Amino acid sequence: MASTMTDDTPAATRRDGDRATAEAGQGARDSVTARSVTINRPAAELYRFWRDFNNLPKFMADIVVIDVVDATHSRWTVKAPGDREVGWTAEVTEDQPDRLIAWEGRGDIRNSGRVEFRDAGARGTIVTATIAYDPPGGALGKLVAKLFRREPAVQAAHDLRRFKQLMATGEIATPAMNLAQLIDDEESR
């Protein structure tokens, strides 16, 4: 089992692969990853934003669409390597307001995980995403996904960084101009 960790990781997601897998969801997965960021916002605010799954495409770059079925079920479609899309149905398995959201997903990619919101005192909140998944195609599929920057460990780091930017500043920094900037640029010429 592969396991990846970064700074600010709470005890619940330590390198102990069995514990991290158990905390992330039901049963073992081929890969477990955990990423954390500290955001200078209250846990309740960050939790509420994340818990509205319609907000997730605002900072998760690979999401094509999330169809919210009800309070605990949603259908996800995400970009995959080779201009493909994959999907799954997710069920919220644990929901502790202002503290934690956990899920189990079944479909093209079996996955489970949790997002924790932990008080960091004057620094704000530590947000940790722990994801366990079965890569399609096993180790080779994981390598291909990594080469195309579609591997969950890579995406989790990027997505959390964008979440921090969005929550701290109200926007996500990008090297490309958005439509409004392009229009302003054209009008100023």
N, C-alpha and C. Protein backbone atom coordinates (compact mmCIF):
# COMPACT_ATOMS: atom_id res chain seq x y z
N MET A 1 0.85 -1.17 0.00
CA MET A 1 0.00 0.00 0.00
C MET A 1 0.88 1.23 0.00
N ALA A 2 0.63 2.21 -0.88
CA ALA A 2 1.36 3.45 -0.90
C ALA A 2 0.72 4.43 0.06
N SER A 3 1.53 5.26 0.69
CA SER A 3 1.02 6.25 1.62
C SER A 3 1.84 7.51 1.49
N THR A 4 1.18 8.68 1.42
CA THR A 4 1.85 9.95 1.23
C THR A 4 1.36 10.94 2.26
N MET A 5 2.26 11.66 2.93
CA MET A 5 1.87 12.62 3.96
C MET A 5 2.58 13.95 3.74
N THR A 6 2.03 15.04 4.31
CA THR A 6 2.66 16.35 4.27
C THR A 6 2.54 17.01 5.63
N ASP A 7 3.13 18.20 5.76
CA ASP A 7 3.10 18.95 7.01
C ASP A 7 1.68 19.24 7.48
N ASP A 8 1.56 19.65 8.75
CA ASP A 8 0.29 20.02 9.38
C ASP A 8 -0.70 18.86 9.44
N THR A 9 -0.24 17.64 9.26
CA THR A 9 -1.14 16.49 9.26
C THR A 9 -1.48 16.09 10.68
N PRO A 10 -2.77 16.03 11.02
CA PRO A 10 -3.14 15.61 12.36
C PRO A 10 -2.85 14.14 12.60
N ALA A 11 -2.89 13.75 13.87
CA ALA A 11 -2.56 12.39 14.26
C ALA A 11 -3.41 11.34 13.55
N ALA A 12 -4.65 11.68 13.21
CA ALA A 12 -5.55 10.71 12.58
C ALA A 12 -5.07 10.25 11.22
N THR A 13 -4.11 10.96 10.63
CA THR A 13 -3.66 10.60 9.29
C THR A 13 -2.16 10.34 9.24
N ARG A 14 -1.60 9.78 10.30
CA ARG A 14 -0.17 9.47 10.33
C ARG A 14 0.21 8.42 9.32
N ARG A 15 1.49 8.20 9.15
CA ARG A 15 2.00 7.24 8.18
C ARG A 15 1.57 5.81 8.42
N ASP A 16 0.96 5.53 9.52
CA ASP A 16 0.46 4.19 9.81
C ASP A 16 -0.62 3.88 8.77
N GLY A 17 -0.24 3.18 7.71
CA GLY A 17 -1.14 2.95 6.59
C GLY A 17 -2.46 2.32 6.97
N ASP A 18 -2.44 1.31 7.88
CA ASP A 18 -3.69 0.66 8.27
C ASP A 18 -4.62 1.64 8.96
N ARG A 19 -4.07 2.47 9.84
CA ARG A 19 -4.91 3.44 10.54
C ARG A 19 -5.43 4.48 9.57
N ALA A 20 -4.56 5.00 8.69
CA ALA A 20 -5.01 6.02 7.73
C ALA A 20 -6.10 5.47 6.83
N THR A 21 -5.93 4.23 6.38
CA THR A 21 -6.95 3.62 5.54
C THR A 21 -8.25 3.46 6.29
N ALA A 22 -8.19 2.97 7.50
CA ALA A 22 -9.41 2.79 8.30
C ALA A 22 -10.08 4.12 8.56
N GLU A 23 -9.30 5.15 8.83
CA GLU A 23 -9.88 6.46 9.09
C GLU A 23 -10.46 7.05 7.81
N ALA A 24 -9.86 6.74 6.65
CA ALA A 24 -10.33 7.32 5.40
C ALA A 24 -11.63 6.70 4.94
N GLY A 25 -11.89 5.47 5.27
CA GLY A 25 -13.13 4.86 4.80
C GLY A 25 -13.19 3.40 5.17
N GLN A 26 -14.01 2.65 4.48
CA GLN A 26 -14.25 1.25 4.79
C GLN A 26 -13.29 0.37 4.01
N GLY A 27 -12.50 -0.46 4.70
CA GLY A 27 -11.67 -1.46 4.03
C GLY A 27 -10.41 -0.89 3.42
N ALA A 28 -9.58 -1.78 2.93
CA ALA A 28 -8.29 -1.38 2.38
C ALA A 28 -8.43 -0.90 0.94
N ARG A 29 -7.55 -0.01 0.55
CA ARG A 29 -7.45 0.49 -0.80
C ARG A 29 -5.99 0.34 -1.23
N ASP A 30 -5.73 0.42 -2.53
CA ASP A 30 -4.37 0.31 -3.01
C ASP A 30 -3.53 1.52 -2.64
N SER A 31 -4.11 2.71 -2.57
CA SER A 31 -3.36 3.93 -2.31
C SER A 31 -4.10 4.81 -1.31
N VAL A 32 -3.33 5.39 -0.41
CA VAL A 32 -3.87 6.34 0.55
C VAL A 32 -3.01 7.59 0.48
N THR A 33 -3.63 8.74 0.44
CA THR A 33 -2.89 10.00 0.46
C THR A 33 -3.58 10.96 1.42
N ALA A 34 -2.79 11.80 2.06
CA ALA A 34 -3.33 12.83 2.94
C ALA A 34 -2.57 14.12 2.67
N ARG A 35 -3.29 15.19 2.56
CA ARG A 35 -2.72 16.52 2.34
C ARG A 35 -3.40 17.49 3.28
N SER A 36 -2.64 18.48 3.76
CA SER A 36 -3.19 19.47 4.68
C SER A 36 -2.77 20.88 4.29
N VAL A 37 -3.62 21.84 4.62
CA VAL A 37 -3.29 23.26 4.52
C VAL A 37 -3.87 23.94 5.76
N THR A 38 -3.27 25.05 6.12
CA THR A 38 -3.80 25.87 7.19
C THR A 38 -4.38 27.13 6.56
N ILE A 39 -5.65 27.41 6.89
CA ILE A 39 -6.36 28.55 6.30
C ILE A 39 -6.81 29.46 7.43
N ASN A 40 -6.55 30.73 7.29
CA ASN A 40 -6.89 31.69 8.34
C ASN A 40 -8.38 32.06 8.28
N ARG A 41 -9.20 31.05 8.53
CA ARG A 41 -10.66 31.19 8.58
C ARG A 41 -11.18 30.22 9.63
N PRO A 42 -12.36 30.52 10.20
CA PRO A 42 -12.93 29.59 11.19
C PRO A 42 -13.34 28.27 10.56
N ALA A 43 -13.23 27.20 11.33
CA ALA A 43 -13.59 25.87 10.85
C ALA A 43 -15.03 25.82 10.36
N ALA A 44 -15.95 26.46 11.06
CA ALA A 44 -17.36 26.43 10.68
C ALA A 44 -17.58 26.99 9.28
N GLU A 45 -16.90 28.07 8.94
CA GLU A 45 -17.03 28.68 7.61
C GLU A 45 -16.49 27.76 6.52
N LEU A 46 -15.32 27.17 6.77
CA LEU A 46 -14.71 26.27 5.78
C LEU A 46 -15.55 25.01 5.60
N TYR A 47 -16.03 24.44 6.70
CA TYR A 47 -16.88 23.26 6.64
C TYR A 47 -18.14 23.54 5.81
N ARG A 48 -18.83 24.64 6.11
CA ARG A 48 -20.08 24.97 5.40
C ARG A 48 -19.83 25.10 3.90
N PHE A 49 -18.74 25.75 3.52
CA PHE A 49 -18.45 25.92 2.09
C PHE A 49 -18.20 24.56 1.45
N TRP A 50 -17.40 23.71 2.09
CA TRP A 50 -17.06 22.40 1.52
C TRP A 50 -18.28 21.48 1.49
N ARG A 51 -19.10 21.55 2.52
CA ARG A 51 -20.25 20.64 2.64
C ARG A 51 -21.29 20.88 1.56
N ASP A 52 -21.32 22.08 0.97
CA ASP A 52 -22.18 22.36 -0.18
C ASP A 52 -21.40 21.88 -1.41
N PHE A 53 -21.65 20.63 -1.81
CA PHE A 53 -20.86 20.01 -2.87
C PHE A 53 -20.90 20.78 -4.19
N ASN A 54 -21.89 21.65 -4.37
CA ASN A 54 -21.94 22.49 -5.57
C ASN A 54 -20.79 23.50 -5.59
N ASN A 55 -20.15 23.75 -4.45
CA ASN A 55 -19.01 24.66 -4.40
C ASN A 55 -17.70 24.00 -4.84
N LEU A 56 -17.62 22.69 -4.77
CA LEU A 56 -16.35 22.01 -5.00
C LEU A 56 -15.75 22.25 -6.39
N PRO A 57 -16.55 22.31 -7.47
CA PRO A 57 -15.94 22.60 -8.77
C PRO A 57 -15.28 23.98 -8.86
N LYS A 58 -15.56 24.86 -7.91
CA LYS A 58 -14.93 26.19 -7.91
C LYS A 58 -13.43 26.11 -7.66
N PHE A 59 -12.98 25.06 -6.97
CA PHE A 59 -11.55 24.95 -6.69
C PHE A 59 -10.97 23.58 -7.05
N MET A 60 -11.78 22.59 -7.36
CA MET A 60 -11.28 21.28 -7.77
C MET A 60 -11.28 21.24 -9.30
N ALA A 61 -10.08 21.37 -9.86
CA ALA A 61 -9.93 21.58 -11.30
C ALA A 61 -10.42 20.42 -12.16
N ASP A 62 -10.36 19.19 -11.68
CA ASP A 62 -10.70 18.05 -12.52
C ASP A 62 -12.16 17.64 -12.49
N ILE A 63 -12.96 18.31 -11.69
CA ILE A 63 -14.38 17.96 -11.63
C ILE A 63 -15.09 18.47 -12.88
N VAL A 64 -15.80 17.57 -13.54
CA VAL A 64 -16.64 17.95 -14.67
C VAL A 64 -18.00 18.39 -14.13
N VAL A 65 -18.59 17.55 -13.27
CA VAL A 65 -19.88 17.88 -12.67
C VAL A 65 -20.10 17.04 -11.42
N ILE A 66 -20.80 17.64 -10.46
CA ILE A 66 -21.29 16.91 -9.30
C ILE A 66 -22.80 17.10 -9.28
N ASP A 67 -23.53 15.99 -9.36
CA ASP A 67 -24.98 16.02 -9.24
C ASP A 67 -25.34 15.61 -7.83
N VAL A 68 -25.87 16.57 -7.05
CA VAL A 68 -26.27 16.27 -5.68
C VAL A 68 -27.65 15.62 -5.74
N VAL A 69 -27.74 14.38 -5.28
CA VAL A 69 -28.99 13.61 -5.30
C VAL A 69 -29.83 13.94 -4.08
N ASP A 70 -29.21 13.91 -2.91
CA ASP A 70 -29.88 14.26 -1.66
C ASP A 70 -28.79 14.65 -0.66
N ALA A 71 -29.14 14.77 0.61
CA ALA A 71 -28.20 15.24 1.62
C ALA A 71 -26.97 14.35 1.79
N THR A 72 -27.07 13.08 1.42
CA THR A 72 -25.94 12.17 1.64
C THR A 72 -25.44 11.47 0.37
N HIS A 73 -26.06 11.71 -0.78
CA HIS A 73 -25.65 11.03 -2.02
C HIS A 73 -25.40 12.05 -3.13
N SER A 74 -24.36 11.77 -3.92
CA SER A 74 -24.04 12.62 -5.07
C SER A 74 -23.36 11.77 -6.14
N ARG A 75 -23.48 12.24 -7.39
CA ARG A 75 -22.81 11.58 -8.51
C ARG A 75 -21.71 12.50 -9.03
N TRP A 76 -20.51 11.95 -9.12
CA TRP A 76 -19.34 12.73 -9.53
C TRP A 76 -18.85 12.27 -10.90
N THR A 77 -18.49 13.22 -11.74
CA THR A 77 -17.81 12.96 -13.00
C THR A 77 -16.56 13.82 -13.01
N VAL A 78 -15.40 13.19 -13.24
CA VAL A 78 -14.13 13.91 -13.22
C VAL A 78 -13.32 13.58 -14.48
N LYS A 79 -12.37 14.46 -14.78
CA LYS A 79 -11.47 14.24 -15.91
C LYS A 79 -10.50 13.12 -15.56
N ALA A 80 -10.16 12.33 -16.57
CA ALA A 80 -9.20 11.24 -16.43
C ALA A 80 -8.15 11.38 -17.53
N PRO A 81 -7.05 10.65 -17.43
CA PRO A 81 -6.03 10.71 -18.49
C PRO A 81 -6.61 10.36 -19.86
N GLY A 82 -6.00 10.94 -20.89
CA GLY A 82 -6.39 10.62 -22.26
C GLY A 82 -7.73 11.21 -22.66
N ASP A 83 -8.06 12.39 -22.16
CA ASP A 83 -9.33 13.07 -22.49
C ASP A 83 -10.55 12.20 -22.19
N ARG A 84 -10.45 11.35 -21.16
CA ARG A 84 -11.57 10.52 -20.72
C ARG A 84 -12.22 11.14 -19.50
N GLU A 85 -13.37 10.61 -19.15
CA GLU A 85 -14.04 10.98 -17.92
C GLU A 85 -14.40 9.70 -17.17
N VAL A 86 -14.35 9.77 -15.85
CA VAL A 86 -14.76 8.65 -15.00
C VAL A 86 -15.76 9.19 -13.99
N GLY A 87 -16.55 8.28 -13.43
CA GLY A 87 -17.55 8.73 -12.48
C GLY A 87 -17.80 7.73 -11.38
N TRP A 88 -18.46 8.19 -10.33
CA TRP A 88 -18.84 7.34 -9.22
C TRP A 88 -19.99 7.99 -8.47
N THR A 89 -20.63 7.19 -7.66
CA THR A 89 -21.66 7.68 -6.75
C THR A 89 -21.05 7.69 -5.36
N ALA A 90 -21.16 8.83 -4.68
CA ALA A 90 -20.59 8.98 -3.35
C ALA A 90 -21.70 9.04 -2.31
N GLU A 91 -21.42 8.44 -1.17
CA GLU A 91 -22.34 8.51 -0.03
C GLU A 91 -21.58 9.09 1.15
N VAL A 92 -22.14 10.13 1.78
CA VAL A 92 -21.56 10.68 2.99
C VAL A 92 -21.80 9.66 4.09
N THR A 93 -20.71 9.16 4.68
CA THR A 93 -20.82 8.12 5.71
C THR A 93 -20.69 8.68 7.12
N GLU A 94 -20.14 9.88 7.23
CA GLU A 94 -20.03 10.53 8.52
C GLU A 94 -20.02 12.04 8.29
N ASP A 95 -20.79 12.75 9.09
CA ASP A 95 -20.89 14.20 8.95
C ASP A 95 -20.96 14.81 10.34
N GLN A 96 -19.87 15.43 10.75
CA GLN A 96 -19.81 16.11 12.04
C GLN A 96 -19.68 17.60 11.74
N PRO A 97 -20.77 18.35 11.85
CA PRO A 97 -20.74 19.77 11.49
C PRO A 97 -19.54 20.51 12.09
N ASP A 98 -18.89 21.28 11.23
CA ASP A 98 -17.73 22.11 11.56
C ASP A 98 -16.47 21.30 11.85
N ARG A 99 -16.51 19.96 11.71
CA ARG A 99 -15.36 19.13 12.05
C ARG A 99 -14.93 18.15 10.97
N LEU A 100 -15.90 17.47 10.32
CA LEU A 100 -15.51 16.34 9.48
C LEU A 100 -16.61 15.94 8.50
N ILE A 101 -16.19 15.57 7.29
CA ILE A 101 -17.07 14.98 6.28
C ILE A 101 -16.33 13.74 5.77
N ALA A 102 -16.98 12.58 5.82
CA ALA A 102 -16.37 11.35 5.31
C ALA A 102 -17.29 10.75 4.26
N TRP A 103 -16.72 10.03 3.30
CA TRP A 103 -17.53 9.46 2.21
C TRP A 103 -16.99 8.12 1.77
N GLU A 104 -17.82 7.43 1.01
CA GLU A 104 -17.46 6.18 0.33
C GLU A 104 -18.00 6.32 -1.09
N GLY A 105 -17.15 6.06 -2.09
CA GLY A 105 -17.55 6.18 -3.49
C GLY A 105 -17.44 4.85 -4.21
N ARG A 106 -18.45 4.57 -5.06
CA ARG A 106 -18.45 3.35 -5.86
C ARG A 106 -18.76 3.71 -7.31
N GLY A 107 -18.02 3.08 -8.20
CA GLY A 107 -18.22 3.34 -9.63
C GLY A 107 -16.94 3.03 -10.38
N ASP A 108 -16.58 3.88 -11.35
CA ASP A 108 -15.36 3.66 -12.14
C ASP A 108 -14.12 3.59 -11.25
N ILE A 109 -14.10 4.40 -10.19
CA ILE A 109 -12.99 4.39 -9.24
C ILE A 109 -13.57 4.26 -7.84
N ARG A 110 -13.26 3.13 -7.18
CA ARG A 110 -13.69 2.97 -5.78
C ARG A 110 -12.81 3.88 -4.94
N ASN A 111 -13.45 4.65 -4.08
CA ASN A 111 -12.69 5.57 -3.25
C ASN A 111 -13.42 5.83 -1.95
N SER A 112 -12.70 6.32 -0.99
CA SER A 112 -13.28 6.75 0.27
C SER A 112 -12.36 7.81 0.83
N GLY A 113 -12.86 8.53 1.80
CA GLY A 113 -11.99 9.54 2.38
C GLY A 113 -12.70 10.37 3.41
N ARG A 114 -11.99 11.38 3.85
CA ARG A 114 -12.52 12.30 4.85
C ARG A 114 -11.82 13.63 4.70
N VAL A 115 -12.54 14.68 5.04
CA VAL A 115 -11.98 16.02 5.11
C VAL A 115 -12.21 16.48 6.54
N GLU A 116 -11.11 16.82 7.21
CA GLU A 116 -11.20 17.25 8.61
C GLU A 116 -10.89 18.73 8.70
N PHE A 117 -11.59 19.40 9.62
CA PHE A 117 -11.41 20.82 9.87
C PHE A 117 -11.04 20.95 11.35
N ARG A 118 -9.75 21.25 11.63
CA ARG A 118 -9.26 21.28 13.01
C ARG A 118 -8.78 22.68 13.37
N ASP A 119 -9.18 23.15 14.53
CA ASP A 119 -8.80 24.48 15.01
C ASP A 119 -7.29 24.59 15.12
N ALA A 120 -6.74 25.67 14.60
CA ALA A 120 -5.30 25.93 14.68
C ALA A 120 -5.04 27.21 15.46
N GLY A 121 -5.97 27.58 16.35
CA GLY A 121 -5.79 28.77 17.16
C GLY A 121 -5.77 30.03 16.32
N ALA A 122 -4.80 30.89 16.59
CA ALA A 122 -4.70 32.17 15.88
C ALA A 122 -4.39 31.99 14.39
N ARG A 123 -3.91 30.82 14.00
CA ARG A 123 -3.58 30.55 12.59
C ARG A 123 -4.81 30.21 11.77
N GLY A 124 -5.96 29.93 12.40
CA GLY A 124 -7.17 29.57 11.67
C GLY A 124 -7.54 28.12 11.83
N THR A 125 -7.58 27.40 10.71
CA THR A 125 -8.04 26.01 10.68
C THR A 125 -7.11 25.16 9.83
N ILE A 126 -6.78 23.98 10.32
CA ILE A 126 -6.04 23.00 9.51
C ILE A 126 -7.09 22.15 8.79
N VAL A 127 -7.03 22.15 7.47
CA VAL A 127 -7.93 21.34 6.65
C VAL A 127 -7.11 20.19 6.10
N THR A 128 -7.53 18.96 6.40
CA THR A 128 -6.82 17.77 5.94
C THR A 128 -7.75 16.90 5.11
N ALA A 129 -7.33 16.60 3.90
CA ALA A 129 -8.07 15.68 3.03
C ALA A 129 -7.29 14.37 2.98
N THR A 130 -7.95 13.28 3.37
CA THR A 130 -7.37 11.94 3.31
C THR A 130 -8.20 11.14 2.32
N ILE A 131 -7.54 10.57 1.32
CA ILE A 131 -8.25 9.86 0.26
C ILE A 131 -7.63 8.48 0.09
N ALA A 132 -8.48 7.46 0.06
CA ALA A 132 -8.06 6.08 -0.24
C ALA A 132 -8.77 5.68 -1.51
N TYR A 133 -8.06 5.07 -2.44
CA TYR A 133 -8.68 4.73 -3.72
C TYR A 133 -8.00 3.53 -4.36
N ASP A 134 -8.75 2.88 -5.25
CA ASP A 134 -8.23 1.79 -6.06
C ASP A 134 -7.99 2.33 -7.45
N PRO A 135 -6.73 2.55 -7.85
CA PRO A 135 -6.48 3.09 -9.18
C PRO A 135 -6.91 2.09 -10.27
N PRO A 136 -7.68 2.54 -11.26
CA PRO A 136 -8.00 1.63 -12.37
C PRO A 136 -6.70 1.21 -13.06
N GLY A 137 -6.55 -0.05 -13.34
CA GLY A 137 -5.35 -0.53 -13.99
C GLY A 137 -4.20 -0.76 -13.02
N GLY A 138 -4.48 -0.69 -11.71
CA GLY A 138 -3.45 -0.97 -10.70
C GLY A 138 -2.30 0.01 -10.76
N ALA A 139 -1.07 -0.51 -10.55
CA ALA A 139 0.12 0.34 -10.48
C ALA A 139 0.37 1.06 -11.81
N LEU A 140 0.11 0.38 -12.93
CA LEU A 140 0.31 1.01 -14.23
C LEU A 140 -0.68 2.16 -14.41
N GLY A 141 -1.92 1.94 -14.04
CA GLY A 141 -2.93 3.00 -14.13
C GLY A 141 -2.58 4.20 -13.26
N LYS A 142 -2.04 3.92 -12.08
CA LYS A 142 -1.62 5.01 -11.19
C LYS A 142 -0.48 5.80 -11.81
N LEU A 143 0.48 5.11 -12.44
CA LEU A 143 1.60 5.78 -13.09
C LEU A 143 1.11 6.66 -14.24
N VAL A 144 0.21 6.14 -15.06
CA VAL A 144 -0.33 6.93 -16.17
C VAL A 144 -1.06 8.16 -15.64
N ALA A 145 -1.87 7.98 -14.60
CA ALA A 145 -2.59 9.10 -14.01
C ALA A 145 -1.61 10.15 -13.48
N LYS A 146 -0.53 9.71 -12.87
CA LYS A 146 0.46 10.63 -12.33
C LYS A 146 1.13 11.40 -13.47
N LEU A 147 1.46 10.72 -14.56
CA LEU A 147 2.09 11.39 -15.71
C LEU A 147 1.18 12.47 -16.30
N PHE A 148 -0.13 12.24 -16.28
CA PHE A 148 -1.09 13.20 -16.81
C PHE A 148 -1.59 14.17 -15.73
N ARG A 149 -0.98 14.12 -14.54
CA ARG A 149 -1.35 14.98 -13.42
C ARG A 149 -2.81 14.81 -13.02
N ARG A 150 -3.31 13.58 -13.11
CA ARG A 150 -4.67 13.26 -12.74
C ARG A 150 -4.72 12.29 -11.56
N GLU A 151 -3.58 12.06 -10.91
CA GLU A 151 -3.51 11.14 -9.79
C GLU A 151 -4.00 11.85 -8.54
N PRO A 152 -4.84 11.21 -7.72
CA PRO A 152 -5.44 11.89 -6.56
C PRO A 152 -4.45 12.55 -5.61
N ALA A 153 -3.29 11.98 -5.41
CA ALA A 153 -2.31 12.61 -4.51
C ALA A 153 -1.88 13.96 -5.05
N VAL A 154 -1.67 14.05 -6.36
CA VAL A 154 -1.28 15.31 -7.00
C VAL A 154 -2.46 16.28 -6.94
N GLN A 155 -3.64 15.80 -7.30
CA GLN A 155 -4.82 16.65 -7.32
C GLN A 155 -5.18 17.17 -5.94
N ALA A 156 -5.06 16.34 -4.91
CA ALA A 156 -5.40 16.78 -3.55
C ALA A 156 -4.54 17.98 -3.14
N ALA A 157 -3.27 17.93 -3.43
CA ALA A 157 -2.38 19.04 -3.08
C ALA A 157 -2.79 20.31 -3.83
N HIS A 158 -3.04 20.19 -5.13
CA HIS A 158 -3.43 21.35 -5.93
C HIS A 158 -4.79 21.89 -5.50
N ASP A 159 -5.74 20.97 -5.28
CA ASP A 159 -7.09 21.40 -4.90
C ASP A 159 -7.10 22.10 -3.54
N LEU A 160 -6.36 21.58 -2.57
CA LEU A 160 -6.30 22.24 -1.27
C LEU A 160 -5.65 23.61 -1.36
N ARG A 161 -4.63 23.73 -2.19
CA ARG A 161 -3.99 25.04 -2.38
C ARG A 161 -5.00 26.03 -2.98
N ARG A 162 -5.78 25.58 -3.97
CA ARG A 162 -6.80 26.47 -4.57
C ARG A 162 -7.90 26.79 -3.57
N PHE A 163 -8.29 25.81 -2.72
CA PHE A 163 -9.30 26.05 -1.70
C PHE A 163 -8.80 27.14 -0.74
N LYS A 164 -7.55 27.05 -0.34
CA LYS A 164 -6.98 28.06 0.55
C LYS A 164 -7.02 29.44 -0.10
N GLN A 165 -6.62 29.52 -1.36
CA GLN A 165 -6.65 30.80 -2.06
C GLN A 165 -8.06 31.37 -2.12
N LEU A 166 -9.01 30.53 -2.48
CA LEU A 166 -10.40 30.96 -2.62
C LEU A 166 -10.95 31.45 -1.28
N MET A 167 -10.71 30.71 -0.22
CA MET A 167 -11.27 31.08 1.08
C MET A 167 -10.55 32.29 1.69
N ALA A 168 -9.27 32.44 1.40
CA ALA A 168 -8.50 33.55 1.98
C ALA A 168 -8.70 34.86 1.21
N THR A 169 -8.84 34.75 -0.12
CA THR A 169 -8.88 35.97 -0.94
C THR A 169 -10.17 36.15 -1.74
N GLY A 170 -10.96 35.09 -1.85
CA GLY A 170 -12.17 35.16 -2.66
C GLY A 170 -11.95 34.84 -4.13
N GLU A 171 -10.70 34.51 -4.49
CA GLU A 171 -10.39 34.15 -5.87
C GLU A 171 -9.22 33.19 -5.90
N ILE A 172 -9.03 32.57 -7.05
CA ILE A 172 -7.93 31.63 -7.22
C ILE A 172 -6.95 32.24 -8.23
N ALA A 173 -5.70 32.37 -7.81
CA ALA A 173 -4.68 32.91 -8.69
C ALA A 173 -4.46 31.95 -9.85
N THR A 174 -4.35 32.49 -11.03
CA THR A 174 -4.13 31.68 -12.22
C THR A 174 -3.21 32.43 -13.17
N PRO A 175 -2.36 31.72 -13.91
CA PRO A 175 -1.49 32.40 -14.86
C PRO A 175 -2.24 32.87 -16.11
N ALA A 176 -3.44 32.36 -16.29
CA ALA A 176 -4.23 32.71 -17.47
C ALA A 176 -5.25 33.79 -17.12
N MET A 177 -5.61 34.58 -18.10
CA MET A 177 -6.64 35.59 -17.90
C MET A 177 -8.01 34.94 -17.94
N ASN A 178 -8.91 35.40 -17.07
CA ASN A 178 -10.28 34.93 -17.17
C ASN A 178 -11.02 35.79 -18.19
N LEU A 179 -12.25 35.44 -18.51
CA LEU A 179 -13.00 36.13 -19.55
C LEU A 179 -13.15 37.61 -19.25
N ALA A 180 -13.46 37.98 -18.02
CA ALA A 180 -13.63 39.39 -17.66
C ALA A 180 -12.33 40.16 -17.88
N GLN A 181 -11.19 39.55 -17.53
CA GLN A 181 -9.90 40.21 -17.73
C GLN A 181 -9.60 40.38 -19.21
N LEU A 182 -9.92 39.37 -20.01
CA LEU A 182 -9.70 39.48 -21.46
C LEU A 182 -10.52 40.61 -22.06
N ILE A 183 -11.78 40.73 -21.64
CA ILE A 183 -12.65 41.80 -22.13
C ILE A 183 -12.11 43.16 -21.72
N ASP A 184 -11.71 43.29 -20.45
CA ASP A 184 -11.13 44.56 -19.97
C ASP A 184 -9.87 44.90 -20.75
N ASP A 185 -9.03 43.90 -21.01
CA ASP A 185 -7.79 44.11 -21.74
C ASP A 185 -8.08 44.59 -23.16
N GLU A 186 -9.05 43.95 -23.82
CA GLU A 186 -9.42 44.33 -25.18
C GLU A 186 -10.00 45.75 -25.22
N GLU A 187 -10.82 46.09 -24.22
CA GLU A 187 -11.45 47.43 -24.19
C GLU A 187 -10.44 48.52 -23.92
N SER A 188 -9.35 48.21 -23.22
CA SER A 188 -8.35 49.21 -22.90
C SER A 188 -7.41 49.49 -24.05
N ARG A 189 -7.47 48.68 -25.08
CA ARG A 189 -6.56 48.88 -26.24
C ARG A 189 -7.08 49.89 -27.18
